[in-house]
């Protein structure tokens, strides 16, 4: 079968109509990481015109899930959801599922998967494919550890297109539990979390993934150590803005590095009562992403950011809208 991409093997797994939209699911095989068995699922959503998928002219946006999650974080099987609202707003929506999650097959070295794998290999491959298929600059919305992987990819300069798109993060991307900072407990902590997979969300996480997150939250550790860099130092040298959806309380839960970026005006908070602050709890984030009023508000803010190339957003701190250039 002929590949859908000139860069690596890619095939269309399914083409269906879901929730009144065309749902095309691709499986790409980047062959860019030590584990050559890795395949990644990408779901493309678009409007229908007489039963045929319509070419979307709006900005291309990849939605990136967090820990214990898959594409269903954004794309509900029925009812209102953020992905559907964005498509109806004219956005070219793509849903990534990291290796071993959702429709992405379990890779050969699944037990050794880490956030660094997402950062170095998966996200750059997805960027290359979506840019090729859409013919546009790729924009990103990441939640939880998915947003953390996006930050690390920007710092590592691993994107083929130079990371020229709009980057939006939400939730808490890194563990911050104080008791996890005690050296020597990372293995026990990660193992304990692994046993709680079913409580945290629909997807399990390998212990290696959790261990990596915990180790970088310990005393004397630094964010990005596993990548051979200091995450906050690298991001502080950016000549662009990163947008973050969070409540005022949520901002206080983030690493001190976020505060430094905010003071340098590299991080632009979008303070909003419908924000997504709890990284692990499905019970917290899913109601936000399926409530019709909240979804409409969130989709409008994201659409505005994309249509202005990140130069305009709506900052909500008290429930009342105001504008900021």
C-alpha atoms as a PDB file:
ATOM      1  CA  UNK A   1       0.000   0.000   0.000  1.00  0.00           C
ATOM      2  CA  UNK A   2       1.320   3.436  -0.923  1.00  0.00           C
ATOM      3  CA  UNK A   3       2.287   5.576   2.049  1.00  0.00           C
ATOM      4  CA  UNK A   4       0.304   8.741   2.809  1.00  0.00           C
ATOM      5  CA  UNK A   5       3.569  10.531   3.568  1.00  0.00           C
ATOM      6  CA  UNK A   6       6.835  11.068   1.744  1.00  0.00           C
ATOM      7  CA  UNK A   7       8.752  11.036   5.045  1.00  0.00           C
ATOM      8  CA  UNK A   8       7.838   7.637   6.522  1.00  0.00           C
ATOM      9  CA  UNK A   9       5.251   4.851   6.239  1.00  0.00           C
ATOM     10  CA  UNK A  10       1.759   6.169   6.964  1.00  0.00           C
ATOM     11  CA  UNK A  11      -1.615   4.639   6.230  1.00  0.00           C
ATOM     12  CA  UNK A  12      -5.256   5.526   6.651  1.00  0.00           C
ATOM     13  CA  UNK A  13      -6.674   3.092   9.232  1.00  0.00           C
ATOM     14  CA  UNK A  14     -10.292   4.195   9.024  1.00  0.00           C
ATOM     15  CA  UNK A  15     -12.511   6.861   7.495  1.00  0.00           C
ATOM     16  CA  UNK A  16     -15.846   7.249   9.244  1.00  0.00           C
ATOM     17  CA  UNK A  17     -18.480   9.794  10.171  1.00  0.00           C
ATOM     18  CA  UNK A  18     -18.659  10.540  13.876  1.00  0.00           C
ATOM     19  CA  UNK A  19     -20.787  13.223  15.509  1.00  0.00           C
ATOM     20  CA  UNK A  20     -21.528  14.701  12.075  1.00  0.00           C
ATOM     21  CA  UNK A  21     -17.834  15.135  11.265  1.00  0.00           C
ATOM     22  CA  UNK A  22     -15.432  13.210   9.048  1.00  0.00           C
ATOM     23  CA  UNK A  23     -13.054  11.180  11.235  1.00  0.00           C
ATOM     24  CA  UNK A  24      -9.933   9.947   9.442  1.00  0.00           C
ATOM     25  CA  UNK A  25      -7.538   7.914  11.554  1.00  0.00           C
ATOM     26  CA  UNK A  26      -3.934   7.617  10.346  1.00  0.00           C
ATOM     27  CA  UNK A  27      -1.218   5.340  11.662  1.00  0.00           C
ATOM     28  CA  UNK A  28       2.290   6.643  11.084  1.00  0.00           C
ATOM     29  CA  UNK A  29       5.559   4.744  11.591  1.00  0.00           C
ATOM     30  CA  UNK A  30       8.262   7.416  12.040  1.00  0.00           C
ATOM     31  CA  UNK A  31      11.275   5.065  12.451  1.00  0.00           C
ATOM     32  CA  UNK A  32      13.064   7.931  14.202  1.00  0.00           C
ATOM     33  CA  UNK A  33      13.611   6.391  17.651  1.00  0.00           C
ATOM     34  CA  UNK A  34      15.639   3.429  18.943  1.00  0.00           C
ATOM     35  CA  UNK A  35      12.418   1.401  19.145  1.00  0.00           C
ATOM     36  CA  UNK A  36      11.571   0.876  15.468  1.00  0.00           C
ATOM     37  CA  UNK A  37       8.226  -0.733  16.332  1.00  0.00           C
ATOM     38  CA  UNK A  38       6.666   2.589  17.378  1.00  0.00           C
ATOM     39  CA  UNK A  39       3.521   3.587  15.489  1.00  0.00           C
ATOM     40  CA  UNK A  40       1.461   6.657  16.305  1.00  0.00           C
ATOM     41  CA  UNK A  41      -2.236   7.249  15.779  1.00  0.00           C
ATOM     42  CA  UNK A  42      -3.398  10.617  14.448  1.00  0.00           C
ATOM     43  CA  UNK A  43      -7.096  11.385  14.109  1.00  0.00           C
ATOM     44  CA  UNK A  44      -8.059  14.145  11.664  1.00  0.00           C
ATOM     45  CA  UNK A  45     -11.461  15.781  12.063  1.00  0.00           C
ATOM     46  CA  UNK A  46     -13.157  17.889   9.403  1.00  0.00           C
ATOM     47  CA  UNK A  47     -16.579  19.097   8.315  1.00  0.00           C
ATOM     48  CA  UNK A  48     -18.651  17.233   5.739  1.00  0.00           C
ATOM     49  CA  UNK A  49     -19.893  18.601   2.423  1.00  0.00           C
ATOM     50  CA  UNK A  50     -22.519  16.290   0.887  1.00  0.00           C
ATOM     51  CA  UNK A  51     -21.012  13.394   2.776  1.00  0.00           C
ATOM     52  CA  UNK A  52     -17.448  14.167   1.701  1.00  0.00           C
ATOM     53  CA  UNK A  53     -14.720  15.477   4.004  1.00  0.00           C
ATOM     54  CA  UNK A  54     -14.256  19.201   3.423  1.00  0.00           C
ATOM     55  CA  UNK A  55     -10.791  20.731   3.062  1.00  0.00           C
ATOM     56  CA  UNK A  56     -10.248  22.897   6.131  1.00  0.00           C
ATOM     57  CA  UNK A  57      -8.728  26.308   5.438  1.00  0.00           C
ATOM     58  CA  UNK A  58      -8.275  27.326   9.064  1.00  0.00           C
ATOM     59  CA  UNK A  59      -5.137  26.958  11.222  1.00  0.00           C
ATOM     60  CA  UNK A  60      -3.870  23.434  11.900  1.00  0.00           C
ATOM     61  CA  UNK A  61      -3.989  22.442  15.579  1.00  0.00           C
ATOM     62  CA  UNK A  62      -2.719  19.241  17.215  1.00  0.00           C
ATOM     63  CA  UNK A  63      -4.376  18.340  20.523  1.00  0.00           C
ATOM     64  CA  UNK A  64      -2.008  16.470  22.861  1.00  0.00           C
ATOM     65  CA  UNK A  65      -3.347  14.434  25.782  1.00  0.00           C
ATOM     66  CA  UNK A  66      -1.690  14.016  29.182  1.00  0.00           C
ATOM     67  CA  UNK A  67      -0.940  11.121  31.529  1.00  0.00           C
ATOM     68  CA  UNK A  68      -3.417   8.210  31.636  1.00  0.00           C
ATOM     69  CA  UNK A  69      -5.326   9.690  28.696  1.00  0.00           C
ATOM     70  CA  UNK A  70      -5.927   9.343  24.960  1.00  0.00           C
ATOM     71  CA  UNK A  71      -7.777  11.208  22.201  1.00  0.00           C
ATOM     72  CA  UNK A  72     -11.068  10.887  24.104  1.00  0.00           C
ATOM     73  CA  UNK A  73      -9.890  13.657  26.394  1.00  0.00           C
ATOM     74  CA  UNK A  74     -10.773  16.014  23.534  1.00  0.00           C
ATOM     75  CA  UNK A  75     -13.045  13.984  21.261  1.00  0.00           C
ATOM     76  CA  UNK A  76     -16.082  12.526  23.036  1.00  0.00           C
ATOM     77  CA  UNK A  77     -18.056   9.721  21.426  1.00  0.00           C
ATOM     78  CA  UNK A  78     -21.248  11.769  21.798  1.00  0.00           C
ATOM     79  CA  UNK A  79     -22.346  15.226  22.891  1.00  0.00           C
ATOM     80  CA  UNK A  80     -20.379  18.451  23.099  1.00  0.00           C
ATOM     81  CA  UNK A  81     -16.590  18.344  23.226  1.00  0.00           C
ATOM     82  CA  UNK A  82     -13.695  20.693  22.547  1.00  0.00           C
ATOM     83  CA  UNK A  83     -12.472  19.003  19.362  1.00  0.00           C
ATOM     84  CA  UNK A  84     -15.899  19.270  17.736  1.00  0.00           C
ATOM     85  CA  UNK A  85     -16.300  22.908  18.758  1.00  0.00           C
ATOM     86  CA  UNK A  86     -12.907  23.793  17.302  1.00  0.00           C
ATOM     87  CA  UNK A  87     -13.723  22.096  13.983  1.00  0.00           C
ATOM     88  CA  UNK A  88     -17.009  24.002  13.827  1.00  0.00           C
ATOM     89  CA  UNK A  89     -14.982  27.189  14.401  1.00  0.00           C
ATOM     90  CA  UNK A  90     -12.986  26.429  11.253  1.00  0.00           C
ATOM     91  CA  UNK A  91      -9.888  24.939  12.912  1.00  0.00           C
ATOM     92  CA  UNK A  92      -8.060  22.034  11.228  1.00  0.00           C
ATOM     93  CA  UNK A  93      -8.020  19.615  14.170  1.00  0.00           C
ATOM     94  CA  UNK A  94      -5.654  16.664  14.672  1.00  0.00           C
ATOM     95  CA  UNK A  95      -5.627  14.365  17.713  1.00  0.00           C
ATOM     96  CA  UNK A  96      -2.351  12.717  18.714  1.00  0.00           C
ATOM     97  CA  UNK A  97      -2.182   9.534  20.759  1.00  0.00           C
ATOM     98  CA  UNK A  98       1.287   8.866  22.173  1.00  0.00           C
ATOM     99  CA  UNK A  99       2.989   5.495  21.724  1.00  0.00           C
ATOM    100  CA  UNK A 100       1.030   2.760  23.471  1.00  0.00           C
ATOM    101  CA  UNK A 101      -2.041   4.956  24.072  1.00  0.00           C
ATOM    102  CA  UNK A 102      -5.478   4.726  22.496  1.00  0.00           C
ATOM    103  CA  UNK A 103      -5.250   3.582  18.876  1.00  0.00           C
ATOM    104  CA  UNK A 104      -1.422   3.738  18.908  1.00  0.00           C
ATOM    105  CA  UNK A 105      -0.226   0.129  19.242  1.00  0.00           C
ATOM    106  CA  UNK A 106       1.779  -1.053  22.249  1.00  0.00           C
ATOM    107  CA  UNK A 107       5.381  -0.711  21.095  1.00  0.00           C
ATOM    108  CA  UNK A 108       8.037  -3.360  21.635  1.00  0.00           C
ATOM    109  CA  UNK A 109       9.808  -1.389  24.385  1.00  0.00           C
ATOM    110  CA  UNK A 110       6.619  -0.062  25.968  1.00  0.00           C
ATOM    111  CA  UNK A 111       7.865  -0.715  29.509  1.00  0.00           C
ATOM    112  CA  UNK A 112      10.787   1.639  28.853  1.00  0.00           C
ATOM    113  CA  UNK A 113       8.726   4.513  27.406  1.00  0.00           C
ATOM    114  CA  UNK A 114       9.534   7.950  28.845  1.00  0.00           C
ATOM    115  CA  UNK A 115       8.473  11.552  28.430  1.00  0.00           C
ATOM    116  CA  UNK A 116      11.778  12.054  26.611  1.00  0.00           C
ATOM    117  CA  UNK A 117      10.607   9.634  23.906  1.00  0.00           C
ATOM    118  CA  UNK A 118       7.571  11.831  23.302  1.00  0.00           C
ATOM    119  CA  UNK A 119       9.776  14.913  23.256  1.00  0.00           C
ATOM    120  CA  UNK A 120      12.605  13.750  20.991  1.00  0.00           C
ATOM    121  CA  UNK A 121      10.737  11.468  18.623  1.00  0.00           C
ATOM    122  CA  UNK A 122       6.931  11.417  18.703  1.00  0.00           C
ATOM    123  CA  UNK A 123       6.105  15.131  18.630  1.00  0.00           C
ATOM    124  CA  UNK A 124       8.583  16.012  15.842  1.00  0.00           C
ATOM    125  CA  UNK A 125       7.226  13.145  13.702  1.00  0.00           C
ATOM    126  CA  UNK A 126       3.660  14.322  14.230  1.00  0.00           C
ATOM    127  CA  UNK A 127       4.621  17.886  13.360  1.00  0.00           C
ATOM    128  CA  UNK A 128       6.203  16.721  10.097  1.00  0.00           C
ATOM    129  CA  UNK A 129       3.155  14.662   9.093  1.00  0.00           C
ATOM    130  CA  UNK A 130       0.526  17.283   9.978  1.00  0.00           C
ATOM    131  CA  UNK A 131       2.496  20.045   8.226  1.00  0.00           C
ATOM    132  CA  UNK A 132       2.758  17.842   5.150  1.00  0.00           C
ATOM    133  CA  UNK A 133      -0.935  16.933   5.103  1.00  0.00           C
ATOM    134  CA  UNK A 134      -2.296  20.397   5.931  1.00  0.00           C
ATOM    135  CA  UNK A 135       0.283  22.513   4.120  1.00  0.00           C
ATOM    136  CA  UNK A 136       0.318  24.817   7.140  1.00  0.00           C
ATOM    137  CA  UNK A 137       2.350  25.736  10.196  1.00  0.00           C
ATOM    138  CA  UNK A 138       1.445  23.398  13.053  1.00  0.00           C
ATOM    139  CA  UNK A 139      -0.055  24.804  16.265  1.00  0.00           C
ATOM    140  CA  UNK A 140      -0.324  22.888  19.539  1.00  0.00           C
ATOM    141  CA  UNK A 141      -2.587  22.514  22.571  1.00  0.00           C
ATOM    142  CA  UNK A 142      -1.223  20.193  25.255  1.00  0.00           C
ATOM    143  CA  UNK A 143      -2.676  19.102  28.565  1.00  0.00           C
ATOM    144  CA  UNK A 144      -0.746  17.934  31.634  1.00  0.00           C
ATOM    145  CA  UNK A 145       2.346  15.934  30.772  1.00  0.00           C
ATOM    146  CA  UNK A 146       1.490  16.376  27.095  1.00  0.00           C
ATOM    147  CA  UNK A 147       2.012  20.108  27.601  1.00  0.00           C
ATOM    148  CA  UNK A 148       5.239  19.317  29.448  1.00  0.00           C
ATOM    149  CA  UNK A 149       6.468  17.306  26.467  1.00  0.00           C
ATOM    150  CA  UNK A 150       5.685  20.262  24.191  1.00  0.00           C
ATOM    151  CA  UNK A 151       7.709  22.607  26.396  1.00  0.00           C
ATOM    152  CA  UNK A 152      10.641  20.198  26.342  1.00  0.00           C
ATOM    153  CA  UNK A 153      10.456  19.830  22.552  1.00  0.00           C
ATOM    154  CA  UNK A 154      10.572  23.611  22.160  1.00  0.00           C
ATOM    155  CA  UNK A 155      13.567  23.834  24.512  1.00  0.00           C
ATOM    156  CA  UNK A 156      15.316  20.973  22.738  1.00  0.00           C
ATOM    157  CA  UNK A 157      14.587  22.505  19.317  1.00  0.00           C
ATOM    158  CA  UNK A 158      13.444  19.104  18.106  1.00  0.00           C
ATOM    159  CA  UNK A 159      10.667  20.358  15.805  1.00  0.00           C
ATOM    160  CA  UNK A 160      11.495  20.211  12.119  1.00  0.00           C
ATOM    161  CA  UNK A 161       9.537  23.369  11.349  1.00  0.00           C
ATOM    162  CA  UNK A 162      11.322  25.444  13.973  1.00  0.00           C
ATOM    163  CA  UNK A 163       8.328  25.583  16.340  1.00  0.00           C
ATOM    164  CA  UNK A 164       6.831  28.594  14.562  1.00  0.00           C
ATOM    165  CA  UNK A 165       3.250  27.816  15.543  1.00  0.00           C
ATOM    166  CA  UNK A 166       1.197  28.850  18.567  1.00  0.00           C
ATOM    167  CA  UNK A 167       1.807  26.810  21.728  1.00  0.00           C
ATOM    168  CA  UNK A 168      -0.932  26.524  24.349  1.00  0.00           C
ATOM    169  CA  UNK A 169      -0.578  24.526  27.554  1.00  0.00           C
ATOM    170  CA  UNK A 170      -3.057  23.584  30.261  1.00  0.00           C
ATOM    171  CA  UNK A 171      -3.041  21.783  33.561  1.00  0.00           C
ATOM    172  CA  UNK A 172      -0.006  20.753  35.606  1.00  0.00           C
ATOM    173  CA  UNK A 173       2.708  19.212  33.402  1.00  0.00           C
ATOM    174  CA  UNK A 174       5.079  17.964  36.115  1.00  0.00           C
ATOM    175  CA  UNK A 175       4.744  16.239  39.474  1.00  0.00           C
ATOM    176  CA  UNK A 176       5.265  18.625  42.382  1.00  0.00           C
ATOM    177  CA  UNK A 177       4.482  16.486  45.448  1.00  0.00           C
ATOM    178  CA  UNK A 178       6.995  17.491  48.144  1.00  0.00           C
ATOM    179  CA  UNK A 179       7.339  13.965  49.441  1.00  0.00           C
ATOM    180  CA  UNK A 180       8.440  12.830  45.970  1.00  0.00           C
ATOM    181  CA  UNK A 181      11.536  15.018  46.330  1.00  0.00           C
ATOM    182  CA  UNK A 182      13.180  12.615  48.778  1.00  0.00           C
ATOM    183  CA  UNK A 183      15.979  10.783  46.906  1.00  0.00           C
ATOM    184  CA  UNK A 184      15.542   7.024  46.661  1.00  0.00           C
ATOM    185  CA  UNK A 185      11.748   6.888  46.745  1.00  0.00           C
ATOM    186  CA  UNK A 186      11.108   7.375  43.032  1.00  0.00           C
ATOM    187  CA  UNK A 187      10.894   3.655  42.237  1.00  0.00           C
ATOM    188  CA  UNK A 188       8.451   2.943  45.046  1.00  0.00           C
ATOM    189  CA  UNK A 189       6.399   6.025  44.240  1.00  0.00           C
ATOM    190  CA  UNK A 190       6.164   5.237  40.547  1.00  0.00           C
ATOM    191  CA  UNK A 191       5.253   1.626  41.234  1.00  0.00           C
ATOM    192  CA  UNK A 192       2.506   2.776  43.571  1.00  0.00           C
ATOM    193  CA  UNK A 193       1.150   5.167  40.972  1.00  0.00           C
ATOM    194  CA  UNK A 194       1.221   2.461  38.327  1.00  0.00           C
ATOM    195  CA  UNK A 195      -1.106   0.360  40.474  1.00  0.00           C
ATOM    196  CA  UNK A 196      -3.562   3.257  40.501  1.00  0.00           C
ATOM    197  CA  UNK A 197      -3.824   3.523  36.715  1.00  0.00           C
ATOM    198  CA  UNK A 198      -7.486   2.603  36.626  1.00  0.00           C
ATOM    199  CA  UNK A 199      -8.299   5.340  39.131  1.00  0.00           C
ATOM    200  CA  UNK A 200      -6.454   8.029  37.199  1.00  0.00           C
ATOM    201  CA  UNK A 201      -7.806   7.471  33.691  1.00  0.00           C
ATOM    202  CA  UNK A 202      -8.527   5.055  30.856  1.00  0.00           C
ATOM    203  CA  UNK A 203      -4.869   4.440  29.937  1.00  0.00           C
ATOM    204  CA  UNK A 204      -2.076   2.777  31.966  1.00  0.00           C
ATOM    205  CA  UNK A 205       1.369   4.362  32.168  1.00  0.00           C
ATOM    206  CA  UNK A 206       4.666   2.424  32.246  1.00  0.00           C
ATOM    207  CA  UNK A 207       6.646   2.700  35.463  1.00  0.00           C
ATOM    208  CA  UNK A 208       9.620   4.087  33.523  1.00  0.00           C
ATOM    209  CA  UNK A 209       7.508   7.060  32.416  1.00  0.00           C
ATOM    210  CA  UNK A 210       6.434   7.831  35.977  1.00  0.00           C
ATOM    211  CA  UNK A 211       9.913   7.329  37.399  1.00  0.00           C
ATOM    212  CA  UNK A 212      11.329   9.892  35.000  1.00  0.00           C
ATOM    213  CA  UNK A 213       8.792  12.506  36.091  1.00  0.00           C
ATOM    214  CA  UNK A 214       9.422  11.849  39.755  1.00  0.00           C
ATOM    215  CA  UNK A 215      13.221  11.915  39.536  1.00  0.00           C
ATOM    216  CA  UNK A 216      13.199  15.382  38.018  1.00  0.00           C
ATOM    217  CA  UNK A 217      11.106  16.679  40.924  1.00  0.00           C
ATOM    218  CA  UNK A 218      13.603  15.599  43.590  1.00  0.00           C
ATOM    219  CA  UNK A 219      15.939  17.895  45.486  1.00  0.00           C
ATOM    220  CA  UNK A 220      18.920  19.086  43.431  1.00  0.00           C
ATOM    221  CA  UNK A 221      17.354  17.790  40.213  1.00  0.00           C
ATOM    222  CA  UNK A 222      16.507  20.105  37.342  1.00  0.00           C
ATOM    223  CA  UNK A 223      13.823  20.009  34.716  1.00  0.00           C
ATOM    224  CA  UNK A 224      15.265  18.704  31.468  1.00  0.00           C
ATOM    225  CA  UNK A 225      18.191  16.827  33.023  1.00  0.00           C
ATOM    226  CA  UNK A 226      17.306  13.643  31.146  1.00  0.00           C
ATOM    227  CA  UNK A 227      17.466  15.663  27.919  1.00  0.00           C
ATOM    228  CA  UNK A 228      20.829  17.131  28.787  1.00  0.00           C
ATOM    229  CA  UNK A 229      19.548  20.658  29.298  1.00  0.00           C
ATOM    230  CA  UNK A 230      18.047  23.041  31.833  1.00  0.00           C
ATOM    231  CA  UNK A 231      14.443  23.421  30.684  1.00  0.00           C
ATOM    232  CA  UNK A 232      13.749  26.808  32.245  1.00  0.00           C
ATOM    233  CA  UNK A 233      17.035  28.331  31.112  1.00  0.00           C
ATOM    234  CA  UNK A 234      16.427  27.232  27.534  1.00  0.00           C
ATOM    235  CA  UNK A 235      12.851  28.508  27.513  1.00  0.00           C
ATOM    236  CA  UNK A 236      13.902  31.853  28.997  1.00  0.00           C
ATOM    237  CA  UNK A 237      15.852  32.521  25.804  1.00  0.00           C
ATOM    238  CA  UNK A 238      12.781  32.272  23.571  1.00  0.00           C
ATOM    239  CA  UNK A 239      11.730  35.212  21.424  1.00  0.00           C
ATOM    240  CA  UNK A 240       8.113  34.066  21.426  1.00  0.00           C
ATOM    241  CA  UNK A 241       5.220  33.570  23.841  1.00  0.00           C
ATOM    242  CA  UNK A 242       3.772  30.394  25.296  1.00  0.00           C
ATOM    243  CA  UNK A 243       0.141  30.597  26.390  1.00  0.00           C
ATOM    244  CA  UNK A 244      -1.146  28.769  29.453  1.00  0.00           C
ATOM    245  CA  UNK A 245      -4.742  28.041  30.432  1.00  0.00           C
ATOM    246  CA  UNK A 246      -4.977  28.086  34.207  1.00  0.00           C
ATOM    247  CA  UNK A 247      -6.856  29.513  37.144  1.00  0.00           C
ATOM    248  CA  UNK A 248      -5.003  31.803  39.539  1.00  0.00           C
ATOM    249  CA  UNK A 249      -4.875  28.930  42.035  1.00  0.00           C
ATOM    250  CA  UNK A 250      -3.572  26.615  39.338  1.00  0.00           C
ATOM    251  CA  UNK A 251      -0.726  28.977  38.468  1.00  0.00           C
ATOM    252  CA  UNK A 252       0.504  28.733  42.064  1.00  0.00           C
ATOM    253  CA  UNK A 253       0.791  24.951  41.702  1.00  0.00           C
ATOM    254  CA  UNK A 254       3.228  25.175  38.794  1.00  0.00           C
ATOM    255  CA  UNK A 255       7.016  25.006  39.021  1.00  0.00           C
ATOM    256  CA  UNK A 256       8.859  28.178  39.968  1.00  0.00           C
ATOM    257  CA  UNK A 257      10.225  28.135  36.416  1.00  0.00           C
ATOM    258  CA  UNK A 258       6.764  29.087  35.164  1.00  0.00           C
ATOM    259  CA  UNK A 259       6.778  32.173  37.393  1.00  0.00           C
ATOM    260  CA  UNK A 260      10.123  33.231  35.954  1.00  0.00           C
ATOM    261  CA  UNK A 261       8.836  32.838  32.407  1.00  0.00           C
ATOM    262  CA  UNK A 262       5.726  34.813  33.318  1.00  0.00           C
ATOM    263  CA  UNK A 263       7.821  37.672  34.735  1.00  0.00           C
ATOM    264  CA  UNK A 264       9.791  37.728  31.474  1.00  0.00           C
ATOM    265  CA  UNK A 265       6.504  37.817  29.528  1.00  0.00           C
ATOM    266  CA  UNK A 266       7.438  34.590  27.755  1.00  0.00           C
ATOM    267  CA  UNK A 267       4.574  32.766  29.444  1.00  0.00           C
ATOM    268  CA  UNK A 268       1.203  34.443  28.892  1.00  0.00           C
ATOM    269  CA  UNK A 269      -1.428  33.090  31.322  1.00  0.00           C
ATOM    270  CA  UNK A 270      -5.024  32.904  30.176  1.00  0.00           C
ATOM    271  CA  UNK A 271      -6.760  33.098  33.547  1.00  0.00           C
ATOM    272  CA  UNK A 272     -10.122  31.459  33.160  1.00  0.00           C
ATOM    273  CA  UNK A 273     -12.707  29.815  35.376  1.00  0.00           C
ATOM    274  CA  UNK A 274     -13.047  26.966  32.864  1.00  0.00           C
ATOM    275  CA  UNK A 275      -9.347  26.103  32.953  1.00  0.00           C
ATOM    276  CA  UNK A 276      -7.933  22.616  33.469  1.00  0.00           C
ATOM    277  CA  UNK A 277      -5.667  22.483  36.499  1.00  0.00           C
ATOM    278  CA  UNK A 278      -5.598  18.898  37.758  1.00  0.00           C
ATOM    279  CA  UNK A 279      -3.243  16.802  35.651  1.00  0.00           C
ATOM    280  CA  UNK A 280      -4.245  13.329  36.811  1.00  0.00           C
ATOM    281  CA  UNK A 281      -7.901  13.551  37.734  1.00  0.00           C
ATOM    282  CA  UNK A 282     -10.251  12.671  34.894  1.00  0.00           C
ATOM    283  CA  UNK A 283     -13.153  13.730  37.109  1.00  0.00           C
ATOM    284  CA  UNK A 284     -11.824  17.315  37.066  1.00  0.00           C
ATOM    285  CA  UNK A 285     -10.956  17.815  33.419  1.00  0.00           C
ATOM    286  CA  UNK A 286     -13.630  15.858  31.546  1.00  0.00           C
ATOM    287  CA  UNK A 287     -16.618  17.898  32.794  1.00  0.00           C
ATOM    288  CA  UNK A 288     -14.870  21.042  31.536  1.00  0.00           C
ATOM    289  CA  UNK A 289     -14.300  19.535  28.104  1.00  0.00           C
ATOM    290  CA  UNK A 290     -17.868  18.295  27.644  1.00  0.00           C
ATOM    291  CA  UNK A 291     -19.899  21.128  29.183  1.00  0.00           C
ATOM    292  CA  UNK A 292     -21.454  23.066  26.292  1.00  0.00           C
ATOM    293  CA  UNK A 293     -21.012  26.566  27.753  1.00  0.00           C
ATOM    294  CA  UNK A 294     -17.452  25.940  28.922  1.00  0.00           C
ATOM    295  CA  UNK A 295     -16.483  24.292  25.645  1.00  0.00           C
ATOM    296  CA  UNK A 296     -17.844  27.222  23.628  1.00  0.00           C
ATOM    297  CA  UNK A 297     -15.892  29.722  25.747  1.00  0.00           C
ATOM    298  CA  UNK A 298     -12.677  27.712  25.613  1.00  0.00           C
ATOM    299  CA  UNK A 299     -12.987  27.087  21.863  1.00  0.00           C
ATOM    300  CA  UNK A 300     -13.557  30.807  21.227  1.00  0.00           C
ATOM    301  CA  UNK A 301     -10.401  31.743  23.164  1.00  0.00           C
ATOM    302  CA  UNK A 302      -8.283  29.136  21.391  1.00  0.00           C
ATOM    303  CA  UNK A 303      -9.676  30.077  17.976  1.00  0.00           C
ATOM    304  CA  UNK A 304      -8.889  33.742  18.615  1.00  0.00           C
ATOM    305  CA  UNK A 305      -5.313  32.901  19.536  1.00  0.00           C
ATOM    306  CA  UNK A 306      -4.778  30.806  16.435  1.00  0.00           C
ATOM    307  CA  UNK A 307      -6.351  33.273  14.035  1.00  0.00           C
ATOM    308  CA  UNK A 308      -4.078  36.058  15.296  1.00  0.00           C
ATOM    309  CA  UNK A 309      -0.940  33.929  15.465  1.00  0.00           C
ATOM    310  CA  UNK A 310      -0.908  34.126  19.258  1.00  0.00           C
ATOM    311  CA  UNK A 311      -0.974  37.917  19.355  1.00  0.00           C
ATOM    312  CA  UNK A 312      -4.434  38.271  20.839  1.00  0.00           C
ATOM    313  CA  UNK A 313      -6.103  36.508  23.719  1.00  0.00           C
ATOM    314  CA  UNK A 314      -8.929  37.005  26.156  1.00  0.00           C
ATOM    315  CA  UNK A 315      -7.851  37.056  29.790  1.00  0.00           C
ATOM    316  CA  UNK A 316     -10.497  36.071  32.286  1.00  0.00           C
ATOM    317  CA  UNK A 317      -9.642  36.422  35.958  1.00  0.00           C
ATOM    318  CA  UNK A 318     -12.965  37.142  37.614  1.00  0.00           C
ATOM    319  CA  UNK A 319     -15.434  35.640  35.184  1.00  0.00           C
ATOM    320  CA  UNK A 320     -15.700  38.917  33.255  1.00  0.00           C
ATOM    321  CA  UNK A 321     -14.127  39.139  29.800  1.00  0.00           C
ATOM    322  CA  UNK A 322     -11.454  41.635  28.989  1.00  0.00           C
ATOM    323  CA  UNK A 323      -9.083  41.897  26.076  1.00  0.00           C
ATOM    324  CA  UNK A 324      -5.310  41.917  25.935  1.00  0.00           C
ATOM    325  CA  UNK A 325      -3.088  42.438  22.951  1.00  0.00           C
END
